[in-house]
Each structure stands twice: as structure tokens, then as C-alpha cells.
Amino acid sequence: MSGLTHFSKMSIAQRELYVETLARRLRVSASIAKRDGDELWWMLDELADQLDTDHLGMAEDYSAAANDVIEKATLLLAKFEWDLLNGTIH
């Protein structure tokens, strides 16, 4: 796991790239979830909208609140992509 940097310790440029990438992944996952009838799609899509709307603001905001939004989005994406309860990996 060496070489990994926690979001709160990334530079603004790294954080911006992370937020943009996370928003794209959320959007793709929301599409897949909606197609599959998974009700999680709307949460994925809502977080993607939030990150798309203010990716630079989120990148520049080192507050606990901003970090919580990123953590929530990352965990939700992981839950969807690694839905082990249903035996699927998206």
C-alpha cells in the first residue's frame, strides 16, 4: 500500500483530479445501477452531480465536511462496484 496518499493530505491538483475521476465513476455506476434496477442509482447520481458542480471547490476545501462528502462518495461507489452481497462485481 505504499505510495497511497489520503485525500486530506493530497495537493489541490491531486484532489481536483480525484474528485473529477470520482464524479465520472459515480456517473457510470449510476447508469449501470439504473439499467439494472438498483435503487442505489439515484444516490450515485446525486453525488456525481454534487462533485461535478463544485469539483474545484471540493478540491480546495480541506474541511472535515468536504472530506466527509468525498469519503461518502468513495464508500458508496465501493459498495456498488463490489456488491458482494449479491455476488457481483461491476
PDB file of N, CA and C in Angstrom:
ATOM      1  N   MET A   1       0.802  -1.186   0.000  1.00  0.00           N
ATOM      2  CA  MET A   1       0.000   0.000   0.000  1.00  0.00           C
ATOM      3  C   MET A   1       0.857   1.268   0.000  1.00  0.00           C
ATOM      4  N   SER A   2       2.129   1.134  -0.088  1.00  0.00           N
ATOM      5  CA  SER A   2       2.940   2.344  -0.117  1.00  0.00           C
ATOM      6  C   SER A   2       2.659   3.112  -1.401  1.00  0.00           C
ATOM      7  N   GLY A   3       2.836   4.411  -1.320  1.00  0.00           N
ATOM      8  CA  GLY A   3       2.558   5.247  -2.476  1.00  0.00           C
ATOM      9  C   GLY A   3       1.149   5.815  -2.469  1.00  0.00           C
ATOM     10  N   LEU A   4       0.292   5.344  -1.553  1.00  0.00           N
ATOM     11  CA  LEU A   4      -1.067   5.881  -1.448  1.00  0.00           C
ATOM     12  C   LEU A   4      -1.069   7.093  -0.532  1.00  0.00           C
ATOM     13  N   THR A   5      -1.861   8.077  -0.900  1.00  0.00           N
ATOM     14  CA  THR A   5      -1.972   9.297  -0.117  1.00  0.00           C
ATOM     15  C   THR A   5      -3.425   9.498   0.274  1.00  0.00           C
ATOM     16  N   HIS A   6      -3.668   9.759   1.540  1.00  0.00           N
ATOM     17  CA  HIS A   6      -5.026  10.037   1.995  1.00  0.00           C
ATOM     18  C   HIS A   6      -5.503  11.338   1.349  1.00  0.00           C
ATOM     19  N   PHE A   7      -6.788  11.403   1.042  1.00  0.00           N
ATOM     20  CA  PHE A   7      -7.360  12.568   0.370  1.00  0.00           C
ATOM     21  C   PHE A   7      -7.034  13.865   1.092  1.00  0.00           C
ATOM     22  N   SER A   8      -7.080  13.856   2.407  1.00  0.00           N
ATOM     23  CA  SER A   8      -6.839  15.080   3.175  1.00  0.00           C
ATOM     24  C   SER A   8      -5.397  15.562   3.092  1.00  0.00           C
ATOM     25  N   LYS A   9      -4.499  14.706   2.610  1.00  0.00           N
ATOM     26  CA  LYS A   9      -3.084  15.077   2.520  1.00  0.00           C
ATOM     27  C   LYS A   9      -2.625  15.344   1.080  1.00  0.00           C
ATOM     28  N   MET A  10      -3.560  15.258   0.126  1.00  0.00           N
ATOM     29  CA  MET A  10      -3.223  15.499  -1.283  1.00  0.00           C
ATOM     30  C   MET A  10      -3.110  16.996  -1.563  1.00  0.00           C
ATOM     31  N   SER A  11      -2.359  17.321  -2.604  1.00  0.00           N
ATOM     32  CA  SER A  11      -2.301  18.711  -3.071  1.00  0.00           C
ATOM     33  C   SER A  11      -3.642  19.059  -3.712  1.00  0.00           C
ATOM     34  N   ILE A  12      -3.883  20.324  -3.933  1.00  0.00           N
ATOM     35  CA  ILE A  12      -5.135  20.755  -4.570  1.00  0.00           C
ATOM     36  C   ILE A  12      -5.275  20.131  -5.954  1.00  0.00           C
ATOM     37  N   ALA A  13      -4.194  20.091  -6.725  1.00  0.00           N
ATOM     38  CA  ALA A  13      -4.250  19.490  -8.070  1.00  0.00           C
ATOM     39  C   ALA A  13      -4.601  18.001  -7.991  1.00  0.00           C
ATOM     40  N   GLN A  14      -4.007  17.288  -7.043  1.00  0.00           N
ATOM     41  CA  GLN A  14      -4.315  15.864  -6.876  1.00  0.00           C
ATOM     42  C   GLN A  14      -5.768  15.682  -6.448  1.00  0.00           C
ATOM     43  N   ARG A  15      -6.214  16.536  -5.530  1.00  0.00           N
ATOM     44  CA  ARG A  15      -7.587  16.454  -5.051  1.00  0.00           C
ATOM     45  C   ARG A  15      -8.585  16.743  -6.173  1.00  0.00           C
ATOM     46  N   GLU A  16      -8.280  17.724  -7.010  1.00  0.00           N
ATOM     47  CA  GLU A  16      -9.169  18.047  -8.120  1.00  0.00           C
ATOM     48  C   GLU A  16      -9.285  16.862  -9.078  1.00  0.00           C
ATOM     49  N   LEU A  17      -8.172  16.253  -9.411  1.00  0.00           N
ATOM     50  CA  LEU A  17      -8.183  15.080 -10.285  1.00  0.00           C
ATOM     51  C   LEU A  17      -8.973  13.941  -9.652  1.00  0.00           C
ATOM     52  N   TYR A  18      -8.779  13.731  -8.365  1.00  0.00           N
ATOM     53  CA  TYR A  18      -9.502  12.668  -7.654  1.00  0.00           C
ATOM     54  C   TYR A  18     -11.008  12.927  -7.695  1.00  0.00           C
ATOM     55  N   VAL A  19     -11.417  14.160  -7.399  1.00  0.00           N
ATOM     56  CA  VAL A  19     -12.838  14.500  -7.378  1.00  0.00           C
ATOM     57  C   VAL A  19     -13.446  14.346  -8.776  1.00  0.00           C
ATOM     58  N   GLU A  20     -12.750  14.807  -9.806  1.00  0.00           N
ATOM     59  CA  GLU A  20     -13.248  14.666 -11.183  1.00  0.00           C
ATOM     60  C   GLU A  20     -13.384  13.193 -11.564  1.00  0.00           C
ATOM     61  N   THR A  21     -12.393  12.394 -11.222  1.00  0.00           N
ATOM     62  CA  THR A  21     -12.413  10.963 -11.535  1.00  0.00           C
ATOM     63  C   THR A  21     -13.529  10.267 -10.762  1.00  0.00           C
ATOM     64  N   LEU A  22     -13.665  10.609  -9.500  1.00  0.00           N
ATOM     65  CA  LEU A  22     -14.712  10.031  -8.671  1.00  0.00           C
ATOM     66  C   LEU A  22     -16.090  10.373  -9.232  1.00  0.00           C
ATOM     67  N   ALA A  23     -16.290  11.602  -9.659  1.00  0.00           N
ATOM     68  CA  ALA A  23     -17.576  12.011 -10.242  1.00  0.00           C
ATOM     69  C   ALA A  23     -17.885  11.203 -11.504  1.00  0.00           C
ATOM     70  N   ARG A  24     -16.879  11.001 -12.354  1.00  0.00           N
ATOM     71  CA  ARG A  24     -17.087  10.205 -13.579  1.00  0.00           C
ATOM     72  C   ARG A  24     -17.459   8.768 -13.240  1.00  0.00           C
ATOM     73  N   ARG A  25     -16.763   8.177 -12.275  1.00  0.00           N
ATOM     74  CA  ARG A  25     -17.043   6.791 -11.888  1.00  0.00           C
ATOM     75  C   ARG A  25     -18.438   6.671 -11.273  1.00  0.00           C
ATOM     76  N   LEU A  26     -18.809   7.662 -10.469  1.00  0.00           N
ATOM     77  CA  LEU A  26     -20.155   7.666  -9.891  1.00  0.00           C
ATOM     78  C   LEU A  26     -21.206   7.730 -10.988  1.00  0.00           C
ATOM     79  N   ARG A  27     -20.966   8.565 -11.996  1.00  0.00           N
ATOM     80  CA  ARG A  27     -21.923   8.732 -13.098  1.00  0.00           C
ATOM     81  C   ARG A  27     -22.081   7.416 -13.882  1.00  0.00           C
ATOM     82  N   VAL A  28     -20.973   6.763 -14.186  1.00  0.00           N
ATOM     83  CA  VAL A  28     -21.030   5.486 -14.907  1.00  0.00           C
ATOM     84  C   VAL A  28     -21.750   4.443 -14.061  1.00  0.00           C
ATOM     85  N   SER A  29     -21.417   4.378 -12.796  1.00  0.00           N
ATOM     86  CA  SER A  29     -22.049   3.404 -11.903  1.00  0.00           C
ATOM     87  C   SER A  29     -23.534   3.689 -11.748  1.00  0.00           C
ATOM     88  N   ALA A  30     -23.915   4.952 -11.707  1.00  0.00           N
ATOM     89  CA  ALA A  30     -25.336   5.316 -11.622  1.00  0.00           C
ATOM     90  C   ALA A  30     -26.084   4.810 -12.853  1.00  0.00           C
ATOM     91  N   SER A  31     -25.468   4.935 -14.010  1.00  0.00           N
ATOM     92  CA  SER A  31     -26.083   4.446 -15.251  1.00  0.00           C
ATOM     93  C   SER A  31     -26.288   2.933 -15.205  1.00  0.00           C
ATOM     94  N   ILE A  32     -25.269   2.236 -14.759  1.00  0.00           N
ATOM     95  CA  ILE A  32     -25.347   0.768 -14.661  1.00  0.00           C
ATOM     96  C   ILE A  32     -26.414   0.375 -13.646  1.00  0.00           C
ATOM     97  N   ALA A  33     -26.403   1.031 -12.496  1.00  0.00           N
ATOM     98  CA  ALA A  33     -27.372   0.717 -11.445  1.00  0.00           C
ATOM     99  C   ALA A  33     -28.802   0.967 -11.912  1.00  0.00           C
ATOM    100  N   LYS A  34     -29.016   2.080 -12.609  1.00  0.00           N
ATOM    101  CA  LYS A  34     -30.351   2.401 -13.104  1.00  0.00           C
ATOM    102  C   LYS A  34     -30.804   1.351 -14.110  1.00  0.00           C
ATOM    103  N   ARG A  35     -29.914   0.988 -15.007  1.00  0.00           N
ATOM    104  CA  ARG A  35     -30.234  -0.041 -16.012  1.00  0.00           C
ATOM    105  C   ARG A  35     -30.599  -1.365 -15.353  1.00  0.00           C
ATOM    106  N   ASP A  36     -29.889  -1.679 -14.252  1.00  0.00           N
ATOM    107  CA  ASP A  36     -30.112  -2.946 -13.557  1.00  0.00           C
ATOM    108  C   ASP A  36     -31.246  -2.887 -12.537  1.00  0.00           C
ATOM    109  N   GLY A  37     -31.879  -1.720 -12.411  1.00  0.00           N
ATOM    110  CA  GLY A  37     -32.978  -1.586 -11.471  1.00  0.00           C
ATOM    111  C   GLY A  37     -32.534  -1.472 -10.016  1.00  0.00           C
ATOM    112  N   ASP A  38     -31.287  -1.114  -9.795  1.00  0.00           N
ATOM    113  CA  ASP A  38     -30.740  -0.952  -8.445  1.00  0.00           C
ATOM    114  C   ASP A  38     -31.089   0.449  -7.948  1.00  0.00           C
ATOM    115  N   GLU A  39     -31.795   0.532  -6.826  1.00  0.00           N
ATOM    116  CA  GLU A  39     -32.231   1.824  -6.312  1.00  0.00           C
ATOM    117  C   GLU A  39     -31.079   2.704  -5.834  1.00  0.00           C
ATOM    118  N   LEU A  40     -29.901   2.149  -5.752  1.00  0.00           N
ATOM    119  CA  LEU A  40     -28.725   2.918  -5.357  1.00  0.00           C
ATOM    120  C   LEU A  40     -28.347   3.948  -6.424  1.00  0.00           C
ATOM    121  N   TRP A  41     -28.904   3.805  -7.629  1.00  0.00           N
ATOM    122  CA  TRP A  41     -28.528   4.683  -8.749  1.00  0.00           C
ATOM    123  C   TRP A  41     -28.725   6.152  -8.428  1.00  0.00           C
ATOM    124  N   TRP A  42     -29.816   6.487  -7.746  1.00  0.00           N
ATOM    125  CA  TRP A  42     -30.093   7.911  -7.511  1.00  0.00           C
ATOM    126  C   TRP A  42     -29.094   8.530  -6.549  1.00  0.00           C
ATOM    127  N   MET A  43     -28.611   7.761  -5.561  1.00  0.00           N
ATOM    128  CA  MET A  43     -27.590   8.286  -4.650  1.00  0.00           C
ATOM    129  C   MET A  43     -26.269   8.484  -5.385  1.00  0.00           C
ATOM    130  N   LEU A  44     -25.921   7.536  -6.237  1.00  0.00           N
ATOM    131  CA  LEU A  44     -24.706   7.651  -7.037  1.00  0.00           C
ATOM    132  C   LEU A  44     -24.786   8.877  -7.941  1.00  0.00           C
ATOM    133  N   ASP A  45     -25.930   9.049  -8.585  1.00  0.00           N
ATOM    134  CA  ASP A  45     -26.116  10.169  -9.499  1.00  0.00           C
ATOM    135  C   ASP A  45     -26.116  11.508  -8.754  1.00  0.00           C
ATOM    136  N   GLU A  46     -26.754  11.544  -7.596  1.00  0.00           N
ATOM    137  CA  GLU A  46     -26.807  12.773  -6.797  1.00  0.00           C
ATOM    138  C   GLU A  46     -25.407  13.203  -6.353  1.00  0.00           C
ATOM    139  N   LEU A  47     -24.599  12.253  -5.904  1.00  0.00           N
ATOM    140  CA  LEU A  47     -23.227  12.583  -5.503  1.00  0.00           C
ATOM    141  C   LEU A  47     -22.385  12.998  -6.707  1.00  0.00           C
ATOM    142  N   ALA A  48     -22.596  12.356  -7.844  1.00  0.00           N
ATOM    143  CA  ALA A  48     -21.882  12.749  -9.062  1.00  0.00           C
ATOM    144  C   ALA A  48     -22.210  14.186  -9.423  1.00  0.00           C
ATOM    145  N   ASP A  49     -23.495  14.552  -9.331  1.00  0.00           N
ATOM    146  CA  ASP A  49     -23.899  15.940  -9.597  1.00  0.00           C
ATOM    147  C   ASP A  49     -23.201  16.907  -8.655  1.00  0.00           C
ATOM    148  N   GLN A  50     -23.191  16.562  -7.379  1.00  0.00           N
ATOM    149  CA  GLN A  50     -22.574  17.424  -6.378  1.00  0.00           C
ATOM    150  C   GLN A  50     -21.083  17.630  -6.665  1.00  0.00           C
ATOM    151  N   LEU A  51     -20.391  16.561  -7.002  1.00  0.00           N
ATOM    152  CA  LEU A  51     -18.953  16.659  -7.271  1.00  0.00           C
ATOM    153  C   LEU A  51     -18.675  17.349  -8.598  1.00  0.00           C
ATOM    154  N   ASP A  52     -19.508  17.082  -9.614  1.00  0.00           N
ATOM    155  CA  ASP A  52     -19.347  17.752 -10.913  1.00  0.00           C
ATOM    156  C   ASP A  52     -19.535  19.257 -10.785  1.00  0.00           C
ATOM    157  N   THR A  53     -20.539  19.650 -10.018  1.00  0.00           N
ATOM    158  CA  THR A  53     -20.885  21.059  -9.863  1.00  0.00           C
ATOM    159  C   THR A  53     -19.767  21.850  -9.201  1.00  0.00           C
ATOM    160  N   ASP A  54     -19.108  21.247  -8.238  1.00  0.00           N
ATOM    161  CA  ASP A  54     -18.137  22.002  -7.454  1.00  0.00           C
ATOM    162  C   ASP A  54     -16.832  21.237  -7.243  1.00  0.00           C
ATOM    163  N   HIS A  55     -16.285  20.651  -8.323  1.00  0.00           N
ATOM    164  CA  HIS A  55     -15.066  19.847  -8.147  1.00  0.00           C
ATOM    165  C   HIS A  55     -13.876  20.684  -7.673  1.00  0.00           C
ATOM    166  N   LEU A  56     -13.737  21.892  -8.179  1.00  0.00           N
ATOM    167  CA  LEU A  56     -12.620  22.733  -7.745  1.00  0.00           C
ATOM    168  C   LEU A  56     -12.834  23.197  -6.302  1.00  0.00           C
ATOM    169  N   GLY A  57     -14.057  23.572  -5.970  1.00  0.00           N
ATOM    170  CA  GLY A  57     -14.355  23.973  -4.600  1.00  0.00           C
ATOM    171  C   GLY A  57     -14.082  22.856  -3.612  1.00  0.00           C
ATOM    172  N   MET A  58     -14.465  21.631  -3.987  1.00  0.00           N
ATOM    173  CA  MET A  58     -14.208  20.476  -3.120  1.00  0.00           C
ATOM    174  C   MET A  58     -12.708  20.226  -2.989  1.00  0.00           C
ATOM    175  N   ALA A  59     -11.990  20.420  -4.081  1.00  0.00           N
ATOM    176  CA  ALA A  59     -10.544  20.196  -4.066  1.00  0.00           C
ATOM    177  C   ALA A  59      -9.835  21.203  -3.170  1.00  0.00           C
ATOM    178  N   GLU A  60     -10.353  22.413  -3.133  1.00  0.00           N
ATOM    179  CA  GLU A  60      -9.717  23.466  -2.341  1.00  0.00           C
ATOM    180  C   GLU A  60     -10.172  23.474  -0.882  1.00  0.00           C
ATOM    181  N   ASP A  61     -11.220  22.736  -0.578  1.00  0.00           N
ATOM    182  CA  ASP A  61     -11.806  22.736   0.767  1.00  0.00           C
ATOM    183  C   ASP A  61     -11.210  21.588   1.583  1.00  0.00           C
ATOM    184  N   TYR A  62     -10.350  21.937   2.525  1.00  0.00           N
ATOM    185  CA  TYR A  62      -9.708  20.931   3.371  1.00  0.00           C
ATOM    186  C   TYR A  62     -10.478  20.698   4.668  1.00  0.00           C
ATOM    187  N   SER A  63     -11.719  21.158   4.744  1.00  0.00           N
ATOM    188  CA  SER A  63     -12.508  20.985   5.961  1.00  0.00           C
ATOM    189  C   SER A  63     -12.961  19.533   6.111  1.00  0.00           C
ATOM    190  N   ALA A  64     -13.357  19.211   7.328  1.00  0.00           N
ATOM    191  CA  ALA A  64     -13.852  17.868   7.603  1.00  0.00           C
ATOM    192  C   ALA A  64     -15.120  17.583   6.799  1.00  0.00           C
ATOM    193  N   ALA A  65     -15.947  18.595   6.592  1.00  0.00           N
ATOM    194  CA  ALA A  65     -17.193  18.413   5.842  1.00  0.00           C
ATOM    195  C   ALA A  65     -16.916  17.983   4.400  1.00  0.00           C
ATOM    196  N   ALA A  66     -15.962  18.623   3.756  1.00  0.00           N
ATOM    197  CA  ALA A  66     -15.610  18.254   2.379  1.00  0.00           C
ATOM    198  C   ALA A  66     -15.031  16.845   2.337  1.00  0.00           C
ATOM    199  N   ASN A  67     -14.156  16.555   3.279  1.00  0.00           N
ATOM    200  CA  ASN A  67     -13.576  15.211   3.328  1.00  0.00           C
ATOM    201  C   ASN A  67     -14.647  14.157   3.563  1.00  0.00           C
ATOM    202  N   ASP A  68     -15.675  14.485   4.352  1.00  0.00           N
ATOM    203  CA  ASP A  68     -16.768  13.554   4.603  1.00  0.00           C
ATOM    204  C   ASP A  68     -17.557  13.262   3.338  1.00  0.00           C
ATOM    205  N   VAL A  69     -17.786  14.286   2.509  1.00  0.00           N
ATOM    206  CA  VAL A  69     -18.509  14.086   1.245  1.00  0.00           C
ATOM    207  C   VAL A  69     -17.715  13.152   0.336  1.00  0.00           C
ATOM    208  N   ILE A  70     -16.425  13.379   0.248  1.00  0.00           N
ATOM    209  CA  ILE A  70     -15.572  12.535  -0.593  1.00  0.00           C
ATOM    210  C   ILE A  70     -15.550  11.104  -0.061  1.00  0.00           C
ATOM    211  N   GLU A  71     -15.452  10.967   1.245  1.00  0.00           N
ATOM    212  CA  GLU A  71     -15.446   9.624   1.836  1.00  0.00           C
ATOM    213  C   GLU A  71     -16.776   8.921   1.578  1.00  0.00           C
ATOM    214  N   LYS A  72     -17.882   9.631   1.742  1.00  0.00           N
ATOM    215  CA  LYS A  72     -19.199   9.053   1.488  1.00  0.00           C
ATOM    216  C   LYS A  72     -19.314   8.588   0.039  1.00  0.00           C
ATOM    217  N   ALA A  73     -18.873   9.439  -0.896  1.00  0.00           N
ATOM    218  CA  ALA A  73     -18.935   9.095  -2.317  1.00  0.00           C
ATOM    219  C   ALA A  73     -18.055   7.890  -2.633  1.00  0.00           C
ATOM    220  N   THR A  74     -16.865   7.860  -2.064  1.00  0.00           N
ATOM    221  CA  THR A  74     -15.937   6.754  -2.307  1.00  0.00           C
ATOM    222  C   THR A  74     -16.503   5.450  -1.756  1.00  0.00           C
ATOM    223  N   LEU A  75     -17.049   5.485  -0.557  1.00  0.00           N
ATOM    224  CA  LEU A  75     -17.617   4.277   0.051  1.00  0.00           C
ATOM    225  C   LEU A  75     -18.862   3.800  -0.682  1.00  0.00           C
ATOM    226  N   LEU A  76     -19.693   4.737  -1.136  1.00  0.00           N
ATOM    227  CA  LEU A  76     -20.880   4.360  -1.896  1.00  0.00           C
ATOM    228  C   LEU A  76     -20.493   3.712  -3.219  1.00  0.00           C
ATOM    229  N   LEU A  77     -19.504   4.281  -3.874  1.00  0.00           N
ATOM    230  CA  LEU A  77     -19.017   3.705  -5.129  1.00  0.00           C
ATOM    231  C   LEU A  77     -18.455   2.305  -4.884  1.00  0.00           C
ATOM    232  N   ALA A  78     -17.688   2.151  -3.831  1.00  0.00           N
ATOM    233  CA  ALA A  78     -17.135   0.834  -3.492  1.00  0.00           C
ATOM    234  C   ALA A  78     -18.252  -0.160  -3.196  1.00  0.00           C
ATOM    235  N   LYS A  79     -19.269   0.277  -2.462  1.00  0.00           N
ATOM    236  CA  LYS A  79     -20.398  -0.603  -2.145  1.00  0.00           C
ATOM    237  C   LYS A  79     -21.061  -1.083  -3.430  1.00  0.00           C
ATOM    238  N   PHE A  80     -21.266  -0.169  -4.374  1.00  0.00           N
ATOM    239  CA  PHE A  80     -21.907  -0.561  -5.624  1.00  0.00           C
ATOM    240  C   PHE A  80     -20.997  -1.457  -6.461  1.00  0.00           C
ATOM    241  N   GLU A  81     -19.752  -1.046  -6.634  1.00  0.00           N
ATOM    242  CA  GLU A  81     -18.851  -1.785  -7.512  1.00  0.00           C
ATOM    243  C   GLU A  81     -18.453  -3.144  -6.946  1.00  0.00           C
ATOM    244  N   TRP A  82     -18.458  -3.285  -5.649  1.00  0.00           N
ATOM    245  CA  TRP A  82     -18.099  -4.551  -5.010  1.00  0.00           C
ATOM    246  C   TRP A  82     -19.292  -5.095  -4.232  1.00  0.00           C
ATOM    247  N   ASP A  83     -20.421  -5.210  -4.882  1.00  0.00           N
ATOM    248  CA  ASP A  83     -21.645  -5.671  -4.244  1.00  0.00           C
ATOM    249  C   ASP A  83     -21.542  -7.171  -3.962  1.00  0.00           C
ATOM    250  N   LEU A  84     -20.787  -7.475  -2.938  1.00  0.00           N
ATOM    251  CA  LEU A  84     -20.534  -8.879  -2.618  1.00  0.00           C
ATOM    252  C   LEU A  84     -21.783  -9.591  -2.089  1.00  0.00           C
ATOM    253  N   LEU A  85     -22.735  -8.831  -1.532  1.00  0.00           N
ATOM    254  CA  LEU A  85     -23.969  -9.466  -1.034  1.00  0.00           C
ATOM    255  C   LEU A  85     -24.746 -10.099  -2.156  1.00  0.00           C
ATOM    256  N   ASN A  86     -24.685  -9.499  -3.326  1.00  0.00           N
ATOM    257  CA  ASN A  86     -25.385 -10.057  -4.487  1.00  0.00           C
ATOM    258  C   ASN A  86     -24.459 -10.852  -5.391  1.00  0.00           C
ATOM    259  N   GLY A  87     -23.205 -10.979  -4.982  1.00  0.00           N
ATOM    260  CA  GLY A  87     -22.265 -11.786  -5.742  1.00  0.00           C
ATOM    261  C   GLY A  87     -21.818 -11.167  -7.047  1.00  0.00           C
ATOM    262  N   THR A  88     -21.877  -9.849  -7.154  1.00  0.00           N
ATOM    263  CA  THR A  88     -21.470  -9.204  -8.403  1.00  0.00           C
ATOM    264  C   THR A  88     -20.356  -8.203  -8.177  1.00  0.00           C
ATOM    265  N   ILE A  89     -19.555  -8.056  -9.170  1.00  0.00           N
ATOM    266  CA  ILE A  89     -18.548  -7.002  -9.215  1.00  0.00           C
ATOM    267  C   ILE A  89     -18.791  -6.261 -10.516  1.00  0.00           C
ATOM    268  N   HIS A  90     -19.074  -4.971 -10.420  1.00  0.00           N
ATOM    269  CA  HIS A  90     -19.372  -4.178 -11.620  1.00  0.00           C
ATOM    270  C   HIS A  90     -18.113  -3.632 -12.215  1.00  0.00           C
TER     271      HIS A  90
END
